[in-house]
Amino acid sequence: MLVVNRFRVPEDDAAFREELQAAHDVLASMPGFEDGRVGRNLDEPEIWVLVTRWRDVGSYRRALSSYDVKVGAVPLLSRAIDEPSAYELLVGETELNRSRPRSVG
């Protein structure tokens, strides 16, 4: 699964960049984390992004519930642009996403 969190930061804010990297680092320490990147929009440099890839939705949800993430990442994540952020990765002939209950495992 892929998580895309976008942030709008009005000026080149070194403190925000450090916070964003710290959030990435604490998420990267969680079980099920596979990959992650911090980036900045080329055309609108006030938009930053944190993209993380997880083994499955359960790993991501458990990470968000951990104490370290609640302290080290959730305050920053709560400042993300209010939009859907979790995506299923389609591989080969994977069935398209349907609105239905899902397993967290």
C-alpha atoms as a PDB file:
ATOM      1  CA  MET A   1       0.000   0.000   0.000  1.00  0.00           C
ATOM      2  CA  LEU A   2       1.081   3.542  -0.724  1.00  0.00           C
ATOM      3  CA  VAL A   3       0.464   6.605   1.457  1.00  0.00           C
ATOM      4  CA  VAL A   4       0.797  10.117   0.008  1.00  0.00           C
ATOM      5  CA  ASN A   5       0.670  13.043   2.445  1.00  0.00           C
ATOM      6  CA  ARG A   6       0.931  16.529   0.924  1.00  0.00           C
ATOM      7  CA  PHE A   7       1.654  19.710   2.871  1.00  0.00           C
ATOM      8  CA  ARG A   8       1.394  23.379   1.936  1.00  0.00           C
ATOM      9  CA  VAL A   9       4.165  25.417   3.562  1.00  0.00           C
ATOM     10  CA  PRO A  10       4.031  29.128   2.615  1.00  0.00           C
ATOM     11  CA  GLU A  11       7.779  29.782   2.766  1.00  0.00           C
ATOM     12  CA  ASP A  12      11.019  27.836   2.555  1.00  0.00           C
ATOM     13  CA  ASP A  13      10.902  26.599   6.118  1.00  0.00           C
ATOM     14  CA  ALA A  14      13.999  24.712   7.312  1.00  0.00           C
ATOM     15  CA  ALA A  15      12.198  23.713  10.519  1.00  0.00           C
ATOM     16  CA  PHE A  16       9.375  22.119   8.512  1.00  0.00           C
ATOM     17  CA  ARG A  17      11.872  20.204   6.394  1.00  0.00           C
ATOM     18  CA  GLU A  18      13.502  18.830   9.555  1.00  0.00           C
ATOM     19  CA  GLU A  19      10.082  17.882  10.989  1.00  0.00           C
ATOM     20  CA  LEU A  20       9.140  16.132   7.755  1.00  0.00           C
ATOM     21  CA  GLN A  21      12.389  14.162   7.722  1.00  0.00           C
ATOM     22  CA  ALA A  22      11.934  13.240  11.403  1.00  0.00           C
ATOM     23  CA  ALA A  23       8.398  11.975  10.665  1.00  0.00           C
ATOM     24  CA  HIS A  24       9.774   9.910   7.766  1.00  0.00           C
ATOM     25  CA  ASP A  25      12.486   8.472  10.009  1.00  0.00           C
ATOM     26  CA  VAL A  26      10.105   7.399  12.779  1.00  0.00           C
ATOM     27  CA  LEU A  27       7.721   5.833  10.247  1.00  0.00           C
ATOM     28  CA  ALA A  28      10.682   4.035   8.623  1.00  0.00           C
ATOM     29  CA  SER A  29      11.470   2.373  11.952  1.00  0.00           C
ATOM     30  CA  MET A  30       8.067   0.655  12.075  1.00  0.00           C
ATOM     31  CA  PRO A  31       7.452  -2.990  11.116  1.00  0.00           C
ATOM     32  CA  GLY A  32       5.937  -3.284   7.643  1.00  0.00           C
ATOM     33  CA  PHE A  33       7.518  -0.071   6.320  1.00  0.00           C
ATOM     34  CA  GLU A  34       9.020  -0.792   2.903  1.00  0.00           C
ATOM     35  CA  ASP A  35      10.098   2.539   1.436  1.00  0.00           C
ATOM     36  CA  GLY A  36       9.589   6.262   1.755  1.00  0.00           C
ATOM     37  CA  ARG A  37      10.548   9.579   0.250  1.00  0.00           C
ATOM     38  CA  VAL A  38      10.313  13.270   1.075  1.00  0.00           C
ATOM     39  CA  GLY A  39       9.872  15.660  -1.828  1.00  0.00           C
ATOM     40  CA  ARG A  40       8.905  19.118  -2.960  1.00  0.00           C
ATOM     41  CA  ASN A  41       6.760  20.148  -5.928  1.00  0.00           C
ATOM     42  CA  LEU A  42       8.748  21.513  -8.872  1.00  0.00           C
ATOM     43  CA  ASP A  43       6.107  24.018 -10.014  1.00  0.00           C
ATOM     44  CA  GLU A  44       4.734  25.033  -6.600  1.00  0.00           C
ATOM     45  CA  PRO A  45       7.640  24.798  -4.133  1.00  0.00           C
ATOM     46  CA  GLU A  46       5.369  25.513  -1.169  1.00  0.00           C
ATOM     47  CA  ILE A  47       3.894  22.003  -1.615  1.00  0.00           C
ATOM     48  CA  TRP A  48       5.850  19.209   0.055  1.00  0.00           C
ATOM     49  CA  VAL A  49       5.116  15.485   0.034  1.00  0.00           C
ATOM     50  CA  LEU A  50       5.822  12.489   2.225  1.00  0.00           C
ATOM     51  CA  VAL A  51       5.304   9.220   0.336  1.00  0.00           C
ATOM     52  CA  THR A  52       5.562   5.917   2.187  1.00  0.00           C
ATOM     53  CA  ARG A  53       5.070   2.342   1.030  1.00  0.00           C
ATOM     54  CA  TRP A  54       3.868  -0.372   3.413  1.00  0.00           C
ATOM     55  CA  ARG A  55       3.626  -4.161   3.281  1.00  0.00           C
ATOM     56  CA  ASP A  56      -0.130  -3.921   3.904  1.00  0.00           C
ATOM     57  CA  VAL A  57      -2.785  -1.643   5.366  1.00  0.00           C
ATOM     58  CA  GLY A  58      -2.543  -3.383   8.750  1.00  0.00           C
ATOM     59  CA  SER A  59       1.146  -2.486   9.057  1.00  0.00           C
ATOM     60  CA  TYR A  60       0.361   1.149   8.326  1.00  0.00           C
ATOM     61  CA  ARG A  61      -2.507   1.295  10.805  1.00  0.00           C
ATOM     62  CA  ARG A  62      -0.448  -0.384  13.528  1.00  0.00           C
ATOM     63  CA  ALA A  63       2.382   2.092  12.868  1.00  0.00           C
ATOM     64  CA  LEU A  64      -0.007   5.025  13.342  1.00  0.00           C
ATOM     65  CA  SER A  65      -1.078   3.502  16.670  1.00  0.00           C
ATOM     66  CA  SER A  66       2.459   3.195  18.033  1.00  0.00           C
ATOM     67  CA  TYR A  67       3.609   5.598  20.731  1.00  0.00           C
ATOM     68  CA  ASP A  68       6.722   6.677  18.784  1.00  0.00           C
ATOM     69  CA  VAL A  69       4.671   7.620  15.709  1.00  0.00           C
ATOM     70  CA  LYS A  70       2.003   9.380  17.788  1.00  0.00           C
ATOM     71  CA  VAL A  71       4.756  11.549  19.283  1.00  0.00           C
ATOM     72  CA  GLY A  72       7.162  11.830  16.331  1.00  0.00           C
ATOM     73  CA  ALA A  73       4.947  11.915  13.230  1.00  0.00           C
ATOM     74  CA  VAL A  74       1.240  12.407  13.947  1.00  0.00           C
ATOM     75  CA  PRO A  75       1.569  16.106  14.885  1.00  0.00           C
ATOM     76  CA  LEU A  76       3.096  16.753  11.454  1.00  0.00           C
ATOM     77  CA  LEU A  77       0.714  14.386   9.612  1.00  0.00           C
ATOM     78  CA  SER A  78      -2.246  16.257  11.117  1.00  0.00           C
ATOM     79  CA  ARG A  79      -1.082  19.328   9.128  1.00  0.00           C
ATOM     80  CA  ALA A  80      -1.347  17.505   5.779  1.00  0.00           C
ATOM     81  CA  ILE A  81      -3.733  18.744   3.094  1.00  0.00           C
ATOM     82  CA  ASP A  82      -7.142  17.199   3.838  1.00  0.00           C
ATOM     83  CA  GLU A  83      -7.487  14.623   1.058  1.00  0.00           C
ATOM     84  CA  PRO A  84      -7.464  10.826   0.735  1.00  0.00           C
ATOM     85  CA  SER A  85      -3.918   9.563   1.264  1.00  0.00           C
ATOM     86  CA  ALA A  86      -3.963   5.733   1.205  1.00  0.00           C
ATOM     87  CA  TYR A  87      -3.697   3.881  -2.106  1.00  0.00           C
ATOM     88  CA  GLU A  88      -3.673   0.231  -3.113  1.00  0.00           C
ATOM     89  CA  LEU A  89      -0.860  -0.730  -5.440  1.00  0.00           C
ATOM     90  CA  LEU A  90      -2.071  -2.583  -8.514  1.00  0.00           C
ATOM     91  CA  VAL A  91       0.230  -5.329  -9.677  1.00  0.00           C
ATOM     92  CA  GLY A  92      -0.474  -7.314 -12.840  1.00  0.00           C
ATOM     93  CA  GLU A  93      -4.106  -8.372 -12.960  1.00  0.00           C
ATOM     94  CA  THR A  94      -4.929  -7.140  -9.437  1.00  0.00           C
ATOM     95  CA  GLU A  95      -8.637  -6.573  -8.917  1.00  0.00           C
ATOM     96  CA  LEU A  96      -9.536  -2.900  -8.829  1.00  0.00           C
ATOM     97  CA  ASN A  97     -10.384  -1.310  -5.498  1.00  0.00           C
ATOM     98  CA  ARG A  98     -13.984  -1.855  -4.387  1.00  0.00           C
ATOM     99  CA  SER A  99     -15.781  -0.248  -1.483  1.00  0.00           C
ATOM    100  CA  ARG A 100     -15.903  -3.142   0.996  1.00  0.00           C
ATOM    101  CA  PRO A 101     -14.603  -4.118   4.449  1.00  0.00           C
ATOM    102  CA  ARG A 102     -10.933  -5.066   4.427  1.00  0.00           C
ATOM    103  CA  SER A 103      -8.660  -7.247   6.488  1.00  0.00           C
ATOM    104  CA  VAL A 104      -6.031  -5.360   8.494  1.00  0.00           C
ATOM    105  CA  GLY A 105      -3.611  -8.290   8.357  1.00  0.00           C
END
